[in-house]
Structures are given as C-alpha cells and as structure tokens.
Amino acid sequence: VQLQASGGGLMQAGGSLRLSCAASGRTFSSYHMGWFRQAPGKGREFVAAISWSGSSTVYADSPKGRFTISRDNAKNTVYLQMNSLKPEDTAVYYCAADPHTWSPALVMRESEYAYWGQGTQVTVSS
C-alpha cells in the first residue's frame, strides 16, 4: 500500500489542523493505521493509532484530549484532527500502515508498521 500524507502547514498556537493520509490499493481496510511525528533533532515518536474498523484507538500522552484519529475506509483515508496546537507539536507528521493483529501496546512501536507515507510538516508558532 502507498500512503500520501497532506494537510500540514503553519499555524499559531491554539489553532487547529486536520491531516489526511490517502492510501492506494484495495486492502486499506485491513490495516491498522498510525500517525507518528519527528521534531527537529529528535527521534520519531508515536502520536495515535486506529484499528482497521475504527472501533479502537490509542493515543500518546502528549496529544491525548487534543488530537483525534479517525478513518474513512470508503475513501481509503485516515485523518488526524489536531486542536489546541502547541509549539511543541511542531514536527514532520507521518502516517503508517500496520498489517499485524491489533495490539494497543504494539501499535505504538515503529517496528509494527510496514508502510510509511512521506510526511507532512506542521509548524506551530507561539
């Protein structure tokens, strides 16, 4: 599966952005999907994940309560709604597809994901 992330940009603190990740292929609905981010000078970190059906979600502590992950399998797209943005949310955001059995603990690991998008830059100014 090929993934294309979009929706990033420059936003003031407190604002909102919605990222999208469009997937090619007919098997999108069989993958769990995740969002990760990488801030300048730091490693890539987990943000959120959603099961193939959309019935289960997992969030990292930092964005919990501010970010919402969702998916539309009919459109082969996963979303990340980001509200109350903070300067520390500045990063390149990546979407990824996980072909394994759903595990709330394992979906936070980069190694679980077989396919990655190219990333979209989110910059939050104070």
N, C-alpha and C. Protein backbone atom coordinates (compact mmCIF):
# COMPACT_ATOMS: atom_id res chain seq x y z
N VAL A 1 0.84 -1.19 0.00
CA VAL A 1 0.00 0.00 0.00
C VAL A 1 0.88 1.24 0.00
N GLN A 2 0.48 2.26 -0.75
CA GLN A 2 1.21 3.53 -0.78
C GLN A 2 0.40 4.58 -0.03
N LEU A 3 1.12 5.39 0.74
CA LEU A 3 0.47 6.37 1.60
C LEU A 3 0.93 7.77 1.24
N GLN A 4 -0.01 8.71 1.24
CA GLN A 4 0.29 10.10 0.90
C GLN A 4 -0.33 11.00 1.97
N ALA A 5 0.52 11.60 2.78
CA ALA A 5 0.05 12.49 3.83
C ALA A 5 -0.03 13.92 3.32
N SER A 6 -1.02 14.65 3.85
CA SER A 6 -1.19 16.05 3.46
C SER A 6 -1.89 16.80 4.58
N GLY A 7 -1.97 18.11 4.42
CA GLY A 7 -2.71 18.93 5.38
C GLY A 7 -1.85 19.71 6.36
N GLY A 8 -0.56 19.51 6.32
CA GLY A 8 0.31 20.25 7.21
C GLY A 8 0.38 21.71 6.84
N GLY A 9 1.00 22.50 7.70
CA GLY A 9 1.14 23.92 7.43
C GLY A 9 1.62 24.66 8.64
N LEU A 10 1.53 25.98 8.54
CA LEU A 10 1.93 26.87 9.63
C LEU A 10 0.69 27.34 10.35
N MET A 11 0.70 27.22 11.67
CA MET A 11 -0.46 27.58 12.47
C MET A 11 0.01 28.24 13.75
N GLN A 12 -0.79 29.17 14.24
CA GLN A 12 -0.49 29.77 15.54
C GLN A 12 -0.92 28.85 16.66
N ALA A 13 -0.28 28.98 17.77
CA ALA A 13 -0.65 28.19 18.95
C ALA A 13 -2.13 28.39 19.27
N GLY A 14 -2.79 27.30 19.60
CA GLY A 14 -4.21 27.33 19.89
C GLY A 14 -5.08 27.02 18.70
N GLY A 15 -4.49 27.01 17.53
CA GLY A 15 -5.24 26.74 16.32
C GLY A 15 -5.44 25.25 16.07
N SER A 16 -6.04 24.94 14.92
CA SER A 16 -6.36 23.56 14.57
C SER A 16 -5.91 23.25 13.15
N LEU A 17 -5.56 22.01 12.93
CA LEU A 17 -5.24 21.49 11.61
C LEU A 17 -5.79 20.09 11.51
N ARG A 18 -6.13 19.68 10.30
CA ARG A 18 -6.51 18.29 10.07
C ARG A 18 -5.59 17.70 9.02
N LEU A 19 -4.88 16.68 9.42
CA LEU A 19 -4.03 15.95 8.49
C LEU A 19 -4.81 14.82 7.86
N SER A 20 -4.48 14.53 6.61
CA SER A 20 -5.09 13.42 5.90
C SER A 20 -3.99 12.50 5.39
N CYS A 21 -4.32 11.25 5.28
CA CYS A 21 -3.40 10.27 4.72
C CYS A 21 -4.20 9.39 3.78
N ALA A 22 -3.96 9.55 2.50
CA ALA A 22 -4.68 8.78 1.50
C ALA A 22 -3.87 7.56 1.12
N ALA A 23 -4.53 6.43 1.04
CA ALA A 23 -3.86 5.17 0.73
C ALA A 23 -4.32 4.64 -0.61
N SER A 24 -3.39 4.07 -1.33
CA SER A 24 -3.74 3.40 -2.58
C SER A 24 -3.96 1.93 -2.29
N GLY A 25 -4.62 1.25 -3.19
CA GLY A 25 -4.84 -0.18 -3.02
C GLY A 25 -6.18 -0.49 -2.42
N ARG A 26 -6.62 -1.73 -2.64
CA ARG A 26 -7.95 -2.14 -2.20
C ARG A 26 -7.95 -2.76 -0.82
N THR A 27 -6.79 -2.87 -0.18
CA THR A 27 -6.72 -3.55 1.11
C THR A 27 -6.57 -2.60 2.28
N PHE A 28 -6.83 -1.31 2.06
CA PHE A 28 -6.65 -0.32 3.12
C PHE A 28 -7.40 -0.71 4.37
N SER A 29 -8.61 -1.20 4.24
CA SER A 29 -9.45 -1.51 5.39
C SER A 29 -8.91 -2.67 6.22
N SER A 30 -7.92 -3.38 5.74
CA SER A 30 -7.36 -4.48 6.51
C SER A 30 -6.18 -4.04 7.37
N TYR A 31 -5.77 -2.78 7.25
CA TYR A 31 -4.61 -2.28 8.00
C TYR A 31 -5.05 -1.40 9.17
N HIS A 32 -4.37 -1.60 10.27
CA HIS A 32 -4.45 -0.59 11.32
C HIS A 32 -3.56 0.57 10.87
N MET A 33 -3.92 1.76 11.27
CA MET A 33 -3.19 2.95 10.81
C MET A 33 -2.67 3.76 11.98
N GLY A 34 -1.51 4.33 11.79
CA GLY A 34 -0.93 5.13 12.86
C GLY A 34 -0.37 6.44 12.33
N TRP A 35 -0.25 7.39 13.26
CA TRP A 35 0.43 8.65 12.99
C TRP A 35 1.62 8.74 13.94
N PHE A 36 2.74 9.14 13.39
CA PHE A 36 3.95 9.41 14.15
C PHE A 36 4.43 10.81 13.81
N ARG A 37 5.33 11.34 14.60
CA ARG A 37 5.89 12.65 14.30
C ARG A 37 7.35 12.69 14.69
N GLN A 38 8.08 13.56 14.00
CA GLN A 38 9.50 13.74 14.30
C GLN A 38 9.81 15.22 14.35
N ALA A 39 10.16 15.68 15.53
CA ALA A 39 10.54 17.08 15.72
C ALA A 39 12.00 17.27 15.35
N PRO A 40 12.40 18.49 15.05
CA PRO A 40 13.79 18.75 14.68
C PRO A 40 14.77 18.26 15.76
N GLY A 41 15.73 17.47 15.36
CA GLY A 41 16.75 16.99 16.28
C GLY A 41 16.31 15.87 17.19
N LYS A 42 15.12 15.33 16.98
CA LYS A 42 14.61 14.28 17.84
C LYS A 42 14.23 13.05 17.02
N GLY A 43 14.03 11.95 17.72
CA GLY A 43 13.61 10.74 17.06
C GLY A 43 12.11 10.76 16.76
N ARG A 44 11.69 9.82 15.96
CA ARG A 44 10.27 9.75 15.61
C ARG A 44 9.49 9.16 16.79
N GLU A 45 8.34 9.77 17.08
CA GLU A 45 7.55 9.31 18.22
C GLU A 45 6.12 9.03 17.79
N PHE A 46 5.51 8.13 18.51
CA PHE A 46 4.13 7.73 18.26
C PHE A 46 3.18 8.85 18.67
N VAL A 47 2.13 9.03 17.86
CA VAL A 47 1.09 10.03 18.17
C VAL A 47 -0.25 9.35 18.44
N ALA A 48 -0.71 8.56 17.47
CA ALA A 48 -2.03 7.93 17.61
C ALA A 48 -2.14 6.78 16.64
N ALA A 49 -3.05 5.85 16.93
CA ALA A 49 -3.31 4.73 16.05
C ALA A 49 -4.79 4.38 16.11
N ILE A 50 -5.25 3.75 15.03
CA ILE A 50 -6.66 3.36 14.93
C ILE A 50 -6.73 1.97 14.30
N SER A 51 -7.62 1.15 14.81
CA SER A 51 -7.76 -0.20 14.28
C SER A 51 -8.40 -0.18 12.90
N TRP A 52 -8.37 -1.33 12.23
CA TRP A 52 -8.84 -1.38 10.86
C TRP A 52 -10.31 -0.97 10.74
N SER A 53 -11.10 -1.27 11.75
CA SER A 53 -12.53 -0.95 11.71
C SER A 53 -12.82 0.44 12.22
N GLY A 54 -11.87 1.04 12.90
CA GLY A 54 -12.10 2.34 13.51
C GLY A 54 -12.68 2.24 14.91
N SER A 55 -12.89 1.05 15.41
CA SER A 55 -13.55 0.88 16.70
C SER A 55 -12.60 1.07 17.89
N SER A 56 -11.30 0.97 17.64
CA SER A 56 -10.32 1.12 18.72
C SER A 56 -9.28 2.16 18.35
N THR A 57 -8.90 2.97 19.33
CA THR A 57 -7.88 3.98 19.11
C THR A 57 -6.91 3.99 20.30
N VAL A 58 -5.71 4.45 20.04
CA VAL A 58 -4.68 4.61 21.06
C VAL A 58 -4.00 5.94 20.83
N TYR A 59 -3.71 6.65 21.92
CA TYR A 59 -3.04 7.95 21.81
C TYR A 59 -1.83 8.00 22.73
N ALA A 60 -0.83 8.72 22.29
CA ALA A 60 0.27 9.04 23.18
C ALA A 60 -0.23 10.05 24.21
N ASP A 61 0.48 10.17 25.30
CA ASP A 61 0.02 11.05 26.39
C ASP A 61 0.00 12.52 25.97
N SER A 62 0.98 12.94 25.19
CA SER A 62 1.10 14.36 24.88
C SER A 62 -0.10 14.92 24.12
N PRO A 63 -0.55 14.26 23.05
CA PRO A 63 -1.67 14.83 22.30
C PRO A 63 -3.05 14.39 22.80
N LYS A 64 -3.09 13.53 23.79
CA LYS A 64 -4.37 12.98 24.24
C LYS A 64 -5.29 14.10 24.68
N GLY A 65 -6.54 14.06 24.20
CA GLY A 65 -7.50 15.09 24.53
C GLY A 65 -7.49 16.26 23.56
N ARG A 66 -6.43 16.37 22.76
CA ARG A 66 -6.35 17.46 21.78
C ARG A 66 -6.41 16.93 20.35
N PHE A 67 -5.90 15.74 20.14
CA PHE A 67 -5.87 15.14 18.80
C PHE A 67 -6.90 14.02 18.72
N THR A 68 -7.47 13.84 17.53
CA THR A 68 -8.40 12.75 17.28
C THR A 68 -8.05 12.06 15.98
N ILE A 69 -7.87 10.76 16.05
CA ILE A 69 -7.61 9.99 14.85
C ILE A 69 -8.92 9.34 14.40
N SER A 70 -9.13 9.31 13.09
CA SER A 70 -10.33 8.69 12.54
C SER A 70 -9.99 8.15 11.16
N ARG A 71 -10.90 7.39 10.59
CA ARG A 71 -10.65 6.85 9.26
C ARG A 71 -11.96 6.70 8.51
N ASP A 72 -11.84 6.74 7.20
CA ASP A 72 -12.97 6.50 6.31
C ASP A 72 -12.51 5.44 5.32
N ASN A 73 -12.90 4.21 5.55
CA ASN A 73 -12.43 3.11 4.71
C ASN A 73 -12.99 3.20 3.29
N ALA A 74 -14.13 3.83 3.13
CA ALA A 74 -14.70 4.00 1.79
C ALA A 74 -13.84 4.95 0.95
N LYS A 75 -13.14 5.86 1.63
CA LYS A 75 -12.27 6.81 0.94
C LYS A 75 -10.79 6.46 1.06
N ASN A 76 -10.50 5.32 1.69
CA ASN A 76 -9.10 4.90 1.87
C ASN A 76 -8.26 6.01 2.52
N THR A 77 -8.82 6.63 3.54
CA THR A 77 -8.17 7.78 4.14
C THR A 77 -8.24 7.70 5.67
N VAL A 78 -7.14 8.09 6.30
CA VAL A 78 -7.10 8.24 7.74
C VAL A 78 -6.80 9.70 8.05
N TYR A 79 -7.38 10.19 9.13
CA TYR A 79 -7.26 11.60 9.47
C TYR A 79 -6.65 11.77 10.86
N LEU A 80 -6.06 12.93 11.06
CA LEU A 80 -5.63 13.33 12.40
C LEU A 80 -6.08 14.77 12.60
N GLN A 81 -7.12 14.93 13.40
CA GLN A 81 -7.61 16.25 13.76
C GLN A 81 -6.81 16.75 14.95
N MET A 82 -6.16 17.88 14.78
CA MET A 82 -5.30 18.42 15.83
C MET A 82 -5.85 19.76 16.29
N ASN A 83 -6.26 19.82 17.52
CA ASN A 83 -6.81 21.03 18.11
C ASN A 83 -5.89 21.55 19.21
N SER A 84 -6.09 22.80 19.59
CA SER A 84 -5.30 23.41 20.67
C SER A 84 -3.82 23.17 20.45
N LEU A 85 -3.36 23.46 19.27
CA LEU A 85 -1.97 23.18 18.91
C LEU A 85 -1.01 23.98 19.77
N LYS A 86 0.13 23.36 20.06
CA LYS A 86 1.17 23.96 20.87
C LYS A 86 2.47 24.01 20.05
N PRO A 87 3.37 24.93 20.38
CA PRO A 87 4.65 24.96 19.66
C PRO A 87 5.38 23.62 19.69
N GLU A 88 5.23 22.87 20.77
CA GLU A 88 5.91 21.58 20.86
C GLU A 88 5.30 20.51 19.95
N ASP A 89 4.18 20.83 19.29
CA ASP A 89 3.63 19.92 18.30
C ASP A 89 4.32 20.07 16.94
N THR A 90 5.20 21.04 16.82
CA THR A 90 5.94 21.25 15.58
C THR A 90 6.76 20.02 15.25
N ALA A 91 6.54 19.48 14.06
CA ALA A 91 7.21 18.24 13.65
C ALA A 91 6.78 17.89 12.24
N VAL A 92 7.49 16.93 11.67
CA VAL A 92 7.01 16.28 10.46
C VAL A 92 6.14 15.11 10.90
N TYR A 93 4.93 15.05 10.37
CA TYR A 93 3.98 14.01 10.74
C TYR A 93 3.91 12.96 9.65
N TYR A 94 4.00 11.71 10.08
CA TYR A 94 3.99 10.57 9.17
C TYR A 94 2.80 9.67 9.47
N CYS A 95 2.18 9.16 8.41
CA CYS A 95 1.18 8.12 8.60
C CYS A 95 1.82 6.79 8.21
N ALA A 96 1.29 5.73 8.78
CA ALA A 96 1.86 4.41 8.56
C ALA A 96 0.78 3.35 8.66
N ALA A 97 1.01 2.23 7.99
CA ALA A 97 0.05 1.13 7.96
C ALA A 97 0.63 -0.10 8.64
N ASP A 98 -0.16 -0.69 9.50
CA ASP A 98 0.24 -1.84 10.32
C ASP A 98 -0.56 -3.07 9.89
N PRO A 99 0.11 -4.08 9.37
CA PRO A 99 -0.61 -5.26 8.89
C PRO A 99 -0.85 -6.34 9.95
N HIS A 100 -0.38 -6.12 11.16
CA HIS A 100 -0.45 -7.15 12.18
C HIS A 100 -1.77 -7.12 12.94
N THR A 101 -1.96 -8.09 13.79
CA THR A 101 -3.13 -8.14 14.66
C THR A 101 -3.10 -6.95 15.60
N TRP A 102 -4.26 -6.35 15.83
CA TRP A 102 -4.35 -5.17 16.67
C TRP A 102 -3.87 -5.46 18.08
N SER A 103 -2.96 -4.60 18.55
CA SER A 103 -2.47 -4.67 19.93
C SER A 103 -2.23 -3.25 20.39
N PRO A 104 -2.97 -2.79 21.40
CA PRO A 104 -2.83 -1.40 21.86
C PRO A 104 -1.41 -1.06 22.30
N ALA A 105 -0.68 -2.05 22.77
CA ALA A 105 0.71 -1.79 23.18
C ALA A 105 1.64 -1.76 21.98
N LEU A 106 1.48 -2.69 21.07
CA LEU A 106 2.41 -2.81 19.96
C LEU A 106 2.22 -1.74 18.90
N VAL A 107 1.02 -1.18 18.76
CA VAL A 107 0.81 -0.17 17.71
C VAL A 107 1.59 1.10 17.98
N MET A 108 2.14 1.26 19.17
CA MET A 108 2.95 2.42 19.46
C MET A 108 4.39 2.26 18.97
N ARG A 109 4.73 1.08 18.49
CA ARG A 109 6.09 0.81 18.05
C ARG A 109 6.24 0.99 16.55
N GLU A 110 7.26 1.70 16.13
CA GLU A 110 7.52 1.89 14.70
C GLU A 110 7.67 0.56 13.98
N SER A 111 8.25 -0.42 14.64
CA SER A 111 8.54 -1.70 14.01
C SER A 111 7.29 -2.46 13.59
N GLU A 112 6.13 -2.06 14.11
CA GLU A 112 4.89 -2.73 13.75
C GLU A 112 4.39 -2.34 12.37
N TYR A 113 4.90 -1.25 11.86
CA TYR A 113 4.36 -0.66 10.64
C TYR A 113 5.20 -1.04 9.42
N ALA A 114 4.49 -1.50 8.40
CA ALA A 114 5.17 -1.98 7.20
C ALA A 114 5.27 -0.92 6.12
N TYR A 115 4.37 0.04 6.15
CA TYR A 115 4.32 1.04 5.09
C TYR A 115 4.25 2.43 5.71
N TRP A 116 4.97 3.37 5.09
CA TRP A 116 5.06 4.72 5.61
C TRP A 116 4.81 5.74 4.50
N GLY A 117 4.14 6.82 4.88
CA GLY A 117 3.99 7.93 3.96
C GLY A 117 5.21 8.83 4.01
N GLN A 118 5.21 9.88 3.22
CA GLN A 118 6.39 10.72 3.07
C GLN A 118 6.48 11.82 4.13
N GLY A 119 5.43 12.05 4.87
CA GLY A 119 5.48 13.07 5.91
C GLY A 119 4.94 14.40 5.45
N THR A 120 4.35 15.13 6.39
CA THR A 120 3.86 16.48 6.13
C THR A 120 4.27 17.36 7.30
N GLN A 121 4.77 18.55 7.00
CA GLN A 121 5.32 19.43 8.02
C GLN A 121 4.22 20.21 8.71
N VAL A 122 4.26 20.19 10.04
CA VAL A 122 3.38 21.02 10.86
C VAL A 122 4.25 21.94 11.70
N THR A 123 4.01 23.23 11.57
CA THR A 123 4.76 24.21 12.34
C THR A 123 3.79 25.07 13.14
N VAL A 124 4.00 25.11 14.44
CA VAL A 124 3.12 25.87 15.32
C VAL A 124 3.93 27.00 15.95
N SER A 125 3.50 28.22 15.70
CA SER A 125 4.21 29.37 16.26
C SER A 125 3.55 29.83 17.55
N SER A 126 4.35 30.39 18.41
CA SER A 126 3.84 30.85 19.72
C SER A 126 3.32 32.27 19.64
